[in-house]
Amino acid sequence: MNNDFNQNSRSGYRAKRKKTNIVLNSLIIIVLLLIIFVAYTIFASGGDDKAAPKKETPKTEQKETVHKEKKTKEDKEVTKDDSSSKDATEEEQESEEASTPEKTDDSQAVVSEDGTTIENPSWKPVGTTQTGEHTPVYSGVDWDEMLSAISYATGIENNNMTVIWLGRDQSKANASVGTVSAKDTKEKYKVFIEWVDGQGWKPTKVIKLTD
């Protein structure tokens, strides 16, 4: 009877131990599966969170971009140079127009009986670069503009002109009178000019000197 009891006890113990081992093995497997699942989740989400690598611009595109930027800069510089050149040309033209009087209409000229005195109502001011209130100054820009008016009235070029005398005309305000001769023909003229505000010197009378 004792043997039967001992055998039953051993069988029960073994069964209980076997059951315990199964439970423990099951728990271990579950824990391992959980660890594997968590690890996979972490690695998977970590891979998604990584920033996508920056796409590199092909060298060909970089060269094209640099070329376009360089060409745009050159075009702007060319446009600026053209604009500056155009402005300079316009200024030169305006300066020439200011110093070049309109063509004289000789048909309106009034000539004295002896042919020595000429007054022409078509004479115009020769233009000026001066501004503000004007007072005759017999030097610098004013002098040059007086000579331009005398050349305009007599037809003698400045480089062919000898100025014998040039000074104030006492008969009227802001007026001058000059005596000049041509270097090639030796002809002499006495020229009366007057100032027109904003327009420059204007010839009023030319007398051809015979002496």
N, C-alpha and C. Protein backbone atom coordinates (compact mmCIF):
# COMPACT_ATOMS: atom_id res chain seq x y z
N MET A 1 0.84 -1.20 0.00
CA MET A 1 0.00 0.00 0.00
C MET A 1 0.85 1.23 0.00
N ASN A 2 1.90 1.13 0.74
CA ASN A 2 2.84 2.26 0.76
C ASN A 2 3.48 2.48 -0.58
N ASN A 3 3.75 1.36 -1.25
CA ASN A 3 4.36 1.49 -2.57
C ASN A 3 3.42 2.19 -3.55
N ASP A 4 2.14 1.83 -3.47
CA ASP A 4 1.16 2.47 -4.34
C ASP A 4 1.06 3.96 -4.06
N PHE A 5 1.11 4.35 -2.82
CA PHE A 5 1.02 5.76 -2.42
C PHE A 5 2.21 6.55 -2.93
N ASN A 6 3.38 5.88 -2.79
CA ASN A 6 4.59 6.56 -3.25
C ASN A 6 4.58 6.74 -4.77
N GLN A 7 4.09 5.69 -5.44
CA GLN A 7 4.04 5.78 -6.90
C GLN A 7 3.06 6.87 -7.33
N ASN A 8 1.92 6.96 -6.64
CA ASN A 8 0.95 8.01 -6.97
C ASN A 8 1.51 9.40 -6.71
N SER A 9 2.24 9.49 -5.62
CA SER A 9 2.83 10.80 -5.27
C SER A 9 3.83 11.20 -6.33
N ARG A 10 4.65 10.24 -6.75
CA ARG A 10 5.65 10.55 -7.77
C ARG A 10 4.99 10.92 -9.10
N SER A 11 3.97 10.19 -9.44
CA SER A 11 3.27 10.47 -10.69
C SER A 11 2.63 11.86 -10.66
N GLY A 12 2.05 12.18 -9.51
CA GLY A 12 1.43 13.50 -9.38
C GLY A 12 2.47 14.61 -9.44
N TYR A 13 3.59 14.35 -8.81
CA TYR A 13 4.67 15.36 -8.79
C TYR A 13 5.19 15.59 -10.20
N ARG A 14 5.40 14.45 -10.92
CA ARG A 14 5.91 14.56 -12.28
C ARG A 14 4.91 15.31 -13.18
N ALA A 15 3.65 14.98 -13.02
CA ALA A 15 2.62 15.63 -13.83
C ALA A 15 2.58 17.14 -13.54
N LYS A 16 2.65 17.43 -12.25
CA LYS A 16 2.63 18.83 -11.84
C LYS A 16 3.85 19.56 -12.37
N ARG A 17 5.01 18.90 -12.30
CA ARG A 17 6.25 19.52 -12.76
C ARG A 17 6.22 19.72 -14.28
N LYS A 18 5.66 18.73 -14.98
CA LYS A 18 5.56 18.82 -16.42
C LYS A 18 4.65 19.99 -16.83
N LYS A 19 3.55 20.11 -16.09
CA LYS A 19 2.61 21.20 -16.36
C LYS A 19 3.26 22.55 -16.12
N THR A 20 4.05 22.61 -15.02
CA THR A 20 4.73 23.86 -14.68
C THR A 20 5.73 24.22 -15.77
N ASN A 21 6.44 23.21 -16.27
CA ASN A 21 7.44 23.46 -17.33
C ASN A 21 6.77 23.98 -18.60
N ILE A 22 5.61 23.38 -18.89
CA ILE A 22 4.87 23.84 -20.09
C ILE A 22 4.47 25.30 -19.96
N VAL A 23 3.96 25.64 -18.76
CA VAL A 23 3.53 27.03 -18.52
C VAL A 23 4.72 27.98 -18.64
N LEU A 24 5.85 27.57 -18.01
CA LEU A 24 7.04 28.44 -18.05
C LEU A 24 7.55 28.60 -19.49
N ASN A 25 7.58 27.50 -20.22
CA ASN A 25 8.05 27.57 -21.61
C ASN A 25 7.13 28.46 -22.46
N SER A 26 5.84 28.34 -22.20
CA SER A 26 4.88 29.17 -22.93
C SER A 26 5.10 30.65 -22.64
N LEU A 27 5.33 30.96 -21.34
CA LEU A 27 5.57 32.35 -20.95
C LEU A 27 6.85 32.88 -21.60
N ILE A 28 7.89 32.00 -21.60
CA ILE A 28 9.17 32.43 -22.21
C ILE A 28 8.97 32.73 -23.69
N ILE A 29 8.22 31.88 -24.38
CA ILE A 29 7.96 32.08 -25.80
C ILE A 29 7.20 33.39 -26.05
N ILE A 30 6.18 33.60 -25.19
CA ILE A 30 5.39 34.83 -25.32
C ILE A 30 6.27 36.07 -25.13
N VAL A 31 7.12 36.01 -24.09
CA VAL A 31 8.02 37.14 -23.81
C VAL A 31 8.95 37.38 -24.99
N LEU A 32 9.50 36.30 -25.54
CA LEU A 32 10.40 36.44 -26.69
C LEU A 32 9.67 37.05 -27.89
N LEU A 33 8.43 36.59 -28.12
CA LEU A 33 7.66 37.14 -29.22
C LEU A 33 7.39 38.64 -29.03
N LEU A 34 7.07 38.99 -27.76
CA LEU A 34 6.84 40.41 -27.46
C LEU A 34 8.10 41.24 -27.71
N ILE A 35 9.25 40.70 -27.26
CA ILE A 35 10.53 41.41 -27.46
C ILE A 35 10.80 41.60 -28.95
N ILE A 36 10.58 40.52 -29.73
CA ILE A 36 10.82 40.60 -31.18
C ILE A 36 9.87 41.62 -31.83
N PHE A 37 8.60 41.63 -31.41
CA PHE A 37 7.62 42.56 -31.96
C PHE A 37 7.98 44.01 -31.66
N VAL A 38 8.35 44.25 -30.39
CA VAL A 38 8.72 45.62 -29.98
C VAL A 38 9.96 46.08 -30.74
N ALA A 39 10.96 45.17 -30.83
CA ALA A 39 12.19 45.54 -31.53
C ALA A 39 11.90 45.86 -33.00
N TYR A 40 11.05 45.05 -33.62
CA TYR A 40 10.71 45.28 -35.03
C TYR A 40 9.98 46.62 -35.20
N THR A 41 9.07 46.88 -34.27
CA THR A 41 8.31 48.15 -34.33
C THR A 41 9.25 49.35 -34.22
N ILE A 42 10.20 49.28 -33.29
CA ILE A 42 11.15 50.40 -33.08
C ILE A 42 11.99 50.61 -34.32
N PHE A 43 12.54 49.53 -34.85
CA PHE A 43 13.41 49.66 -36.02
C PHE A 43 12.63 50.14 -37.25
N ALA A 44 11.40 49.63 -37.38
CA ALA A 44 10.58 50.02 -38.54
C ALA A 44 10.22 51.49 -38.49
N SER A 45 9.78 51.96 -37.31
CA SER A 45 9.42 53.38 -37.18
C SER A 45 10.64 54.26 -37.28
N GLY A 46 11.77 53.81 -36.78
CA GLY A 46 13.01 54.58 -36.86
C GLY A 46 13.43 54.77 -38.30
N GLY A 47 13.25 53.75 -39.12
CA GLY A 47 13.61 53.87 -40.54
C GLY A 47 12.73 54.87 -41.26
N ASP A 48 11.42 54.92 -40.90
CA ASP A 48 10.50 55.86 -41.53
C ASP A 48 10.80 57.28 -41.14
N ASP A 49 11.26 57.46 -39.86
CA ASP A 49 11.50 58.82 -39.37
C ASP A 49 12.76 59.42 -39.94
N LYS A 50 13.62 58.61 -40.50
CA LYS A 50 14.86 59.16 -41.04
C LYS A 50 14.54 60.06 -42.22
N ALA A 51 15.25 61.16 -42.25
CA ALA A 51 15.01 62.11 -43.33
C ALA A 51 15.49 61.52 -44.63
N ALA A 52 14.70 61.76 -45.66
CA ALA A 52 15.08 61.26 -46.98
C ALA A 52 16.35 61.96 -47.40
N PRO A 53 17.26 61.25 -47.99
CA PRO A 53 18.52 61.88 -48.41
C PRO A 53 18.26 63.00 -49.40
N LYS A 54 19.04 64.07 -49.26
CA LYS A 54 18.89 65.24 -50.12
C LYS A 54 19.30 64.89 -51.53
N LYS A 55 18.40 65.22 -52.44
CA LYS A 55 18.67 64.92 -53.83
C LYS A 55 19.73 65.87 -54.35
N GLU A 56 20.78 65.33 -54.83
CA GLU A 56 21.85 66.15 -55.35
C GLU A 56 21.53 66.62 -56.76
N THR A 57 21.86 67.88 -57.00
CA THR A 57 21.64 68.42 -58.33
C THR A 57 22.72 67.92 -59.26
N PRO A 58 22.35 67.32 -60.35
CA PRO A 58 23.36 66.84 -61.29
C PRO A 58 24.31 67.96 -61.69
N LYS A 59 25.55 67.61 -61.93
CA LYS A 59 26.56 68.61 -62.29
C LYS A 59 26.17 69.37 -63.55
N THR A 60 25.49 68.67 -64.46
CA THR A 60 25.07 69.32 -65.71
C THR A 60 24.10 70.45 -65.41
N GLU A 61 23.11 70.18 -64.50
CA GLU A 61 22.13 71.21 -64.14
C GLU A 61 22.82 72.37 -63.42
N GLN A 62 23.80 72.04 -62.55
CA GLN A 62 24.53 73.09 -61.84
C GLN A 62 25.25 74.00 -62.83
N LYS A 63 25.89 73.39 -63.83
CA LYS A 63 26.61 74.18 -64.82
C LYS A 63 25.65 75.06 -65.60
N GLU A 64 24.47 74.49 -65.97
CA GLU A 64 23.49 75.26 -66.71
C GLU A 64 22.98 76.44 -65.89
N THR A 65 22.75 76.19 -64.58
CA THR A 65 22.27 77.26 -63.70
C THR A 65 23.30 78.38 -63.60
N VAL A 66 24.58 78.00 -63.40
CA VAL A 66 25.65 79.00 -63.30
C VAL A 66 25.76 79.77 -64.61
N HIS A 67 25.64 79.05 -65.73
CA HIS A 67 25.73 79.70 -67.04
C HIS A 67 24.60 80.71 -67.23
N LYS A 68 23.37 80.30 -66.83
CA LYS A 68 22.22 81.20 -66.96
C LYS A 68 22.40 82.45 -66.11
N GLU A 69 22.86 82.24 -64.86
CA GLU A 69 23.06 83.39 -63.96
C GLU A 69 24.12 84.33 -64.52
N LYS A 70 25.21 83.75 -65.06
CA LYS A 70 26.28 84.56 -65.62
C LYS A 70 25.78 85.33 -66.82
N LYS A 71 24.99 84.64 -67.70
CA LYS A 71 24.46 85.30 -68.90
C LYS A 71 23.50 86.42 -68.53
N THR A 72 22.66 86.18 -67.52
CA THR A 72 21.72 87.22 -67.07
C THR A 72 22.47 88.45 -66.57
N LYS A 73 23.55 88.20 -65.80
CA LYS A 73 24.36 89.30 -65.28
C LYS A 73 25.01 90.08 -66.42
N GLU A 74 25.54 89.34 -67.44
CA GLU A 74 26.17 90.00 -68.58
C GLU A 74 25.15 90.81 -69.36
N ASP A 75 23.93 90.25 -69.54
CA ASP A 75 22.88 90.97 -70.26
C ASP A 75 22.51 92.27 -69.56
N LYS A 76 22.45 92.19 -68.21
CA LYS A 76 22.13 93.41 -67.44
C LYS A 76 23.23 94.45 -67.62
N GLU A 77 24.51 93.99 -67.60
CA GLU A 77 25.62 94.93 -67.76
C GLU A 77 25.60 95.55 -69.15
N VAL A 78 25.29 94.73 -70.17
CA VAL A 78 25.24 95.24 -71.54
C VAL A 78 24.12 96.27 -71.66
N THR A 79 22.95 95.94 -71.07
CA THR A 79 21.82 96.87 -71.10
C THR A 79 22.16 98.18 -70.41
N LYS A 80 22.88 98.05 -69.26
CA LYS A 80 23.27 99.25 -68.52
C LYS A 80 24.24 100.08 -69.34
N ASP A 81 25.24 99.40 -70.00
CA ASP A 81 26.21 100.11 -70.82
C ASP A 81 25.53 100.79 -71.99
N ASP A 82 24.56 100.07 -72.63
CA ASP A 82 23.83 100.66 -73.76
C ASP A 82 23.04 101.88 -73.31
N SER A 83 22.43 101.75 -72.11
CA SER A 83 21.65 102.87 -71.58
C SER A 83 22.54 104.07 -71.30
N SER A 84 23.73 103.80 -70.68
CA SER A 84 24.67 104.88 -70.37
C SER A 84 25.17 105.52 -71.64
N SER A 85 25.48 104.66 -72.65
CA SER A 85 25.97 105.18 -73.93
C SER A 85 24.90 106.02 -74.60
N LYS A 86 23.64 105.54 -74.51
CA LYS A 86 22.52 106.28 -75.11
C LYS A 86 22.33 107.62 -74.43
N ASP A 87 22.41 107.62 -73.08
CA ASP A 87 22.26 108.87 -72.34
C ASP A 87 23.35 109.85 -72.72
N ALA A 88 24.62 109.34 -72.83
CA ALA A 88 25.74 110.21 -73.18
C ALA A 88 25.54 110.78 -74.58
N THR A 89 25.07 109.94 -75.51
CA THR A 89 24.83 110.40 -76.89
C THR A 89 23.74 111.46 -76.92
N GLU A 90 22.66 111.22 -76.16
CA GLU A 90 21.57 112.20 -76.12
C GLU A 90 22.04 113.53 -75.53
N GLU A 91 22.89 113.45 -74.49
CA GLU A 91 23.41 114.68 -73.89
C GLU A 91 24.27 115.44 -74.89
N GLU A 92 25.10 114.69 -75.66
CA GLU A 92 25.94 115.34 -76.66
C GLU A 92 25.08 116.00 -77.74
N GLN A 93 24.02 115.28 -78.16
CA GLN A 93 23.14 115.85 -79.17
C GLN A 93 22.45 117.11 -78.66
N GLU A 94 21.98 117.05 -77.41
CA GLU A 94 21.32 118.22 -76.83
C GLU A 94 22.28 119.39 -76.73
N SER A 95 23.56 119.09 -76.36
CA SER A 95 24.56 120.14 -76.25
C SER A 95 24.83 120.77 -77.61
N GLU A 96 24.91 119.89 -78.66
CA GLU A 96 25.15 120.41 -80.00
C GLU A 96 23.98 121.24 -80.48
N GLU A 97 22.76 120.76 -80.18
CA GLU A 97 21.58 121.50 -80.59
C GLU A 97 21.51 122.85 -79.89
N ALA A 98 21.95 122.88 -78.62
CA ALA A 98 21.90 124.12 -77.86
C ALA A 98 22.89 125.14 -78.42
N SER A 99 24.03 124.66 -78.98
CA SER A 99 25.06 125.57 -79.48
C SER A 99 24.96 125.81 -80.98
N THR A 100 24.04 125.11 -81.67
CA THR A 100 23.88 125.27 -83.12
C THR A 100 22.57 125.97 -83.41
N PRO A 101 22.63 127.19 -83.92
CA PRO A 101 21.39 127.94 -84.20
C PRO A 101 20.70 127.42 -85.44
N GLU A 102 19.44 127.83 -85.59
CA GLU A 102 18.70 127.44 -86.78
C GLU A 102 19.28 128.13 -88.01
N LYS A 103 19.05 127.50 -89.17
CA LYS A 103 19.58 128.04 -90.42
C LYS A 103 18.95 129.40 -90.71
N THR A 104 19.80 130.33 -91.17
CA THR A 104 19.34 131.69 -91.45
C THR A 104 18.56 131.75 -92.75
N ASP A 105 17.46 132.46 -92.72
CA ASP A 105 16.69 132.72 -93.94
C ASP A 105 17.14 134.06 -94.51
N ASP A 106 18.07 133.99 -95.49
CA ASP A 106 18.64 135.23 -96.04
C ASP A 106 17.62 136.07 -96.79
N SER A 107 16.49 135.46 -97.18
CA SER A 107 15.49 136.23 -97.94
C SER A 107 14.86 137.33 -97.10
N GLN A 108 14.96 137.20 -95.77
CA GLN A 108 14.37 138.20 -94.89
C GLN A 108 15.38 139.28 -94.47
N ALA A 109 16.60 139.13 -94.93
CA ALA A 109 17.65 140.08 -94.54
C ALA A 109 17.40 141.47 -95.13
N VAL A 110 17.68 142.47 -94.32
CA VAL A 110 17.57 143.86 -94.75
C VAL A 110 18.98 144.40 -94.91
N VAL A 111 19.35 144.77 -96.14
CA VAL A 111 20.72 145.23 -96.44
C VAL A 111 20.67 146.71 -96.80
N SER A 112 21.63 147.45 -96.27
CA SER A 112 21.70 148.88 -96.55
C SER A 112 22.04 149.11 -98.03
N GLU A 113 21.85 150.35 -98.50
CA GLU A 113 22.08 150.67 -99.91
C GLU A 113 23.53 150.42 -100.31
N ASP A 114 24.44 150.70 -99.42
CA ASP A 114 25.85 150.49 -99.77
C ASP A 114 26.28 149.04 -99.55
N GLY A 115 25.38 148.18 -99.03
CA GLY A 115 25.67 146.76 -98.87
C GLY A 115 26.57 146.42 -97.71
N THR A 116 26.76 147.37 -96.82
CA THR A 116 27.69 147.11 -95.71
C THR A 116 26.98 146.71 -94.41
N THR A 117 25.71 147.03 -94.31
CA THR A 117 24.98 146.75 -93.07
C THR A 117 23.87 145.74 -93.33
N ILE A 118 23.83 144.72 -92.48
CA ILE A 118 22.82 143.67 -92.63
C ILE A 118 22.08 143.48 -91.31
N GLU A 119 20.74 143.48 -91.41
CA GLU A 119 19.89 143.14 -90.26
C GLU A 119 18.90 142.08 -90.74
N ASN A 120 18.88 140.97 -90.02
CA ASN A 120 18.05 139.85 -90.47
C ASN A 120 17.14 139.38 -89.33
N PRO A 121 15.81 139.58 -89.48
CA PRO A 121 14.87 139.17 -88.42
C PRO A 121 14.80 137.66 -88.23
N SER A 122 15.36 136.86 -89.16
CA SER A 122 15.33 135.40 -89.01
C SER A 122 16.46 134.89 -88.12
N TRP A 123 17.38 135.77 -87.74
CA TRP A 123 18.44 135.34 -86.83
C TRP A 123 17.83 134.87 -85.51
N LYS A 124 18.34 133.77 -84.98
CA LYS A 124 17.86 133.21 -83.73
C LYS A 124 18.98 133.18 -82.69
N PRO A 125 18.64 133.09 -81.41
CA PRO A 125 19.67 132.89 -80.38
C PRO A 125 20.41 131.57 -80.64
N VAL A 126 21.68 131.54 -80.33
CA VAL A 126 22.50 130.37 -80.65
C VAL A 126 22.41 129.26 -79.60
N GLY A 127 21.65 129.50 -78.54
CA GLY A 127 21.55 128.50 -77.48
C GLY A 127 22.56 128.74 -76.38
N THR A 128 22.31 128.17 -75.22
CA THR A 128 23.21 128.39 -74.08
C THR A 128 23.15 127.25 -73.08
N THR A 129 24.22 127.08 -72.36
CA THR A 129 24.25 126.11 -71.26
C THR A 129 24.17 126.83 -69.92
N GLN A 130 24.07 128.16 -69.97
CA GLN A 130 24.05 128.97 -68.75
C GLN A 130 22.61 129.05 -68.20
N THR A 131 22.53 129.14 -66.89
CA THR A 131 21.22 129.26 -66.23
C THR A 131 21.25 130.42 -65.24
N GLY A 132 20.06 130.82 -64.83
CA GLY A 132 19.95 131.89 -63.85
C GLY A 132 20.07 133.27 -64.48
N GLU A 133 20.14 134.29 -63.63
CA GLU A 133 20.25 135.67 -64.11
C GLU A 133 21.58 135.87 -64.82
N HIS A 134 21.53 136.53 -65.97
CA HIS A 134 22.73 136.65 -66.80
C HIS A 134 23.32 138.06 -66.77
N THR A 135 24.64 138.10 -66.65
CA THR A 135 25.41 139.33 -66.79
C THR A 135 26.57 139.02 -67.71
N PRO A 136 26.80 139.82 -68.76
CA PRO A 136 27.89 139.51 -69.69
C PRO A 136 29.23 139.36 -68.99
N VAL A 137 29.90 138.27 -69.29
CA VAL A 137 31.24 137.99 -68.76
C VAL A 137 32.12 137.64 -69.94
N TYR A 138 33.15 138.40 -70.15
CA TYR A 138 33.96 138.25 -71.37
C TYR A 138 35.10 137.26 -71.16
N SER A 139 34.68 136.05 -70.78
CA SER A 139 35.61 134.94 -70.59
C SER A 139 34.79 133.66 -70.44
N GLY A 140 35.46 132.53 -70.53
CA GLY A 140 34.82 131.24 -70.28
C GLY A 140 33.68 130.92 -71.23
N VAL A 141 32.61 130.35 -70.67
CA VAL A 141 31.48 129.90 -71.46
C VAL A 141 30.78 131.07 -72.16
N ASP A 142 30.62 132.19 -71.47
CA ASP A 142 29.92 133.33 -72.05
C ASP A 142 30.68 133.85 -73.28
N TRP A 143 31.99 133.90 -73.17
CA TRP A 143 32.84 134.35 -74.29
C TRP A 143 32.67 133.42 -75.50
N ASP A 144 32.72 132.10 -75.24
CA ASP A 144 32.59 131.12 -76.31
C ASP A 144 31.22 131.24 -76.99
N GLU A 145 30.17 131.48 -76.21
CA GLU A 145 28.84 131.60 -76.80
C GLU A 145 28.68 132.90 -77.58
N MET A 146 29.36 133.96 -77.16
CA MET A 146 29.36 135.21 -77.94
C MET A 146 30.00 134.99 -79.31
N LEU A 147 31.14 134.26 -79.31
CA LEU A 147 31.82 133.99 -80.57
C LEU A 147 30.96 133.11 -81.49
N SER A 148 30.19 132.20 -80.89
CA SER A 148 29.29 131.37 -81.68
C SER A 148 28.23 132.22 -82.37
N ALA A 149 27.72 133.23 -81.67
CA ALA A 149 26.72 134.13 -82.26
C ALA A 149 27.34 134.96 -83.38
N ILE A 150 28.56 135.42 -83.18
CA ILE A 150 29.25 136.22 -84.21
C ILE A 150 29.54 135.36 -85.44
N SER A 151 29.98 134.11 -85.21
CA SER A 151 30.25 133.19 -86.32
C SER A 151 28.97 132.90 -87.09
N TYR A 152 27.88 132.74 -86.38
CA TYR A 152 26.57 132.47 -86.98
C TYR A 152 26.14 133.62 -87.89
N ALA A 153 26.38 134.86 -87.46
CA ALA A 153 25.93 136.02 -88.23
C ALA A 153 26.84 136.30 -89.42
N THR A 154 28.15 136.07 -89.28
CA THR A 154 29.10 136.44 -90.34
C THR A 154 29.44 135.26 -91.27
N GLY A 155 29.23 134.04 -90.77
CA GLY A 155 29.61 132.88 -91.56
C GLY A 155 31.08 132.52 -91.43
N ILE A 156 31.81 133.20 -90.55
CA ILE A 156 33.23 132.90 -90.33
C ILE A 156 33.34 131.82 -89.25
N GLU A 157 34.01 130.71 -89.57
CA GLU A 157 34.20 129.65 -88.59
C GLU A 157 35.09 130.14 -87.44
N ASN A 158 34.86 129.61 -86.25
CA ASN A 158 35.63 130.05 -85.08
C ASN A 158 37.13 129.87 -85.26
N ASN A 159 37.53 128.76 -85.90
CA ASN A 159 38.97 128.53 -86.07
C ASN A 159 39.58 129.39 -87.18
N ASN A 160 38.71 130.11 -87.91
CA ASN A 160 39.20 131.02 -88.96
C ASN A 160 38.98 132.48 -88.57
N MET A 161 38.63 132.69 -87.28
CA MET A 161 38.26 134.03 -86.82
C MET A 161 39.33 134.64 -85.93
N THR A 162 39.61 135.91 -86.20
CA THR A 162 40.50 136.68 -85.33
C THR A 162 39.65 137.74 -84.62
N VAL A 163 39.63 137.72 -83.30
CA VAL A 163 38.84 138.68 -82.53
C VAL A 163 39.69 139.93 -82.32
N ILE A 164 39.26 141.03 -82.92
CA ILE A 164 39.98 142.29 -82.75
C ILE A 164 39.54 142.98 -81.46
N TRP A 165 38.26 142.94 -81.22
CA TRP A 165 37.73 143.53 -79.98
C TRP A 165 36.35 142.93 -79.70
N LEU A 166 36.05 142.73 -78.43
CA LEU A 166 34.73 142.25 -78.02
C LEU A 166 34.43 142.77 -76.63
N GLY A 167 33.34 143.55 -76.52
CA GLY A 167 33.01 144.14 -75.22
C GLY A 167 31.55 144.54 -75.13
N ARG A 168 31.25 145.32 -74.11
CA ARG A 168 29.86 145.69 -73.84
C ARG A 168 29.35 146.73 -74.83
N ASP A 169 28.08 146.56 -75.23
CA ASP A 169 27.39 147.55 -76.07
C ASP A 169 26.68 148.50 -75.12
N GLN A 170 27.17 149.71 -75.05
CA GLN A 170 26.65 150.68 -74.09
C GLN A 170 25.26 151.19 -74.45
N SER A 171 24.80 150.92 -75.68
CA SER A 171 23.51 151.47 -76.11
C SER A 171 22.31 150.71 -75.52
N LYS A 172 22.53 149.48 -75.04
CA LYS A 172 21.42 148.70 -74.48
C LYS A 172 21.96 147.73 -73.42
N ALA A 173 21.06 147.32 -72.52
CA ALA A 173 21.45 146.41 -71.45
C ALA A 173 21.63 144.99 -71.98
N ASN A 174 22.53 144.25 -71.37
CA ASN A 174 22.78 142.85 -71.70
C ASN A 174 23.04 142.66 -73.19
N ALA A 175 23.85 143.55 -73.75
CA ALA A 175 24.21 143.47 -75.17
C ALA A 175 25.71 143.67 -75.32
N SER A 176 26.25 143.13 -76.40
CA SER A 176 27.69 143.23 -76.65
C SER A 176 27.91 143.54 -78.12
N VAL A 177 29.12 143.99 -78.41
CA VAL A 177 29.50 144.28 -79.78
C VAL A 177 30.95 143.83 -79.97
N GLY A 178 31.23 143.26 -81.13
CA GLY A 178 32.58 142.78 -81.38
C GLY A 178 33.05 143.08 -82.78
N THR A 179 34.35 143.20 -82.95
CA THR A 179 34.96 143.40 -84.26
C THR A 179 35.85 142.20 -84.53
N VAL A 180 35.61 141.54 -85.66
CA VAL A 180 36.37 140.33 -86.00
C VAL A 180 36.79 140.38 -87.46
N SER A 181 37.75 139.52 -87.79
CA SER A 181 38.18 139.41 -89.19
C SER A 181 38.41 137.95 -89.52
N ALA A 182 38.27 137.64 -90.83
CA ALA A 182 38.53 136.28 -91.29
C ALA A 182 40.00 136.14 -91.60
N LYS A 183 40.61 135.06 -91.14
CA LYS A 183 42.04 134.86 -91.35
C LYS A 183 42.38 134.65 -92.82
N ASP A 184 41.48 134.01 -93.56
CA ASP A 184 41.80 133.71 -94.96
C ASP A 184 41.51 134.88 -95.89
N THR A 185 40.36 135.55 -95.72
CA THR A 185 39.99 136.64 -96.64
C THR A 185 40.34 138.02 -96.10
N LYS A 186 40.66 138.11 -94.83
CA LYS A 186 40.99 139.38 -94.16
C LYS A 186 39.79 140.33 -94.09
N GLU A 187 38.58 139.83 -94.40
CA GLU A 187 37.40 140.68 -94.29
C GLU A 187 37.08 140.95 -92.83
N LYS A 188 36.64 142.20 -92.53
CA LYS A 188 36.35 142.58 -91.16
C LYS A 188 34.86 142.88 -91.00
N TYR A 189 34.37 142.54 -89.81
CA TYR A 189 32.96 142.78 -89.51
C TYR A 189 32.81 143.31 -88.09
N LYS A 190 31.80 144.17 -87.95
CA LYS A 190 31.40 144.62 -86.62
C LYS A 190 30.03 144.01 -86.36
N VAL A 191 29.93 143.25 -85.29
CA VAL A 191 28.72 142.47 -85.04
C VAL A 191 28.10 142.88 -83.70
N PHE A 192 26.79 143.15 -83.74
CA PHE A 192 26.04 143.49 -82.53
C PHE A 192 25.22 142.26 -82.11
N ILE A 193 25.30 141.94 -80.85
CA ILE A 193 24.56 140.79 -80.32
C ILE A 193 23.88 141.18 -79.02
N GLU A 194 22.77 140.51 -78.71
CA GLU A 194 22.06 140.77 -77.46
C GLU A 194 21.67 139.44 -76.81
N TRP A 195 21.54 139.49 -75.48
CA TRP A 195 21.22 138.28 -74.72
C TRP A 195 19.71 138.05 -74.64
N VAL A 196 19.29 136.81 -74.90
CA VAL A 196 17.88 136.41 -74.75
C VAL A 196 17.84 135.37 -73.63
N ASP A 197 17.11 135.68 -72.56
CA ASP A 197 17.08 134.79 -71.39
C ASP A 197 16.70 133.36 -71.78
N GLY A 198 17.51 132.42 -71.31
CA GLY A 198 17.25 131.01 -71.53
C GLY A 198 17.57 130.51 -72.93
N GLN A 199 17.93 131.42 -73.85
CA GLN A 199 18.17 131.02 -75.24
C GLN A 199 19.57 131.39 -75.75
N GLY A 200 20.23 132.30 -75.07
CA GLY A 200 21.60 132.64 -75.44
C GLY A 200 21.72 133.93 -76.24
N TRP A 201 22.89 134.10 -76.86
CA TRP A 201 23.18 135.32 -77.60
C TRP A 201 22.57 135.26 -79.01
N LYS A 202 22.02 136.43 -79.42
CA LYS A 202 21.36 136.54 -80.72
C LYS A 202 21.94 137.73 -81.50
N PRO A 203 22.38 137.52 -82.74
CA PRO A 203 22.87 138.64 -83.55
C PRO A 203 21.73 139.59 -83.90
N THR A 204 22.01 140.87 -83.91
CA THR A 204 20.98 141.85 -84.29
C THR A 204 21.39 142.68 -85.51
N LYS A 205 22.70 142.86 -85.68
CA LYS A 205 23.16 143.65 -86.84
C LYS A 205 24.62 143.32 -87.14
N VAL A 206 24.94 143.32 -88.46
CA VAL A 206 26.32 143.07 -88.90
C VAL A 206 26.72 144.20 -89.85
N ILE A 207 27.86 144.80 -89.57
CA ILE A 207 28.38 145.85 -90.43
C ILE A 207 29.72 145.38 -91.01
N LYS A 208 29.82 145.36 -92.37
CA LYS A 208 31.06 144.98 -93.00
C LYS A 208 31.95 146.20 -93.09
N LEU A 209 33.15 146.11 -92.51
CA LEU A 209 34.08 147.21 -92.46
C LEU A 209 34.94 147.20 -93.71
N THR A 210 35.11 148.37 -94.28
CA THR A 210 35.86 148.48 -95.53
C THR A 210 37.28 148.92 -95.36
N ASP A 211 37.65 149.42 -94.19
CA ASP A 211 39.00 149.93 -94.02
C ASP A 211 39.99 148.79 -93.80
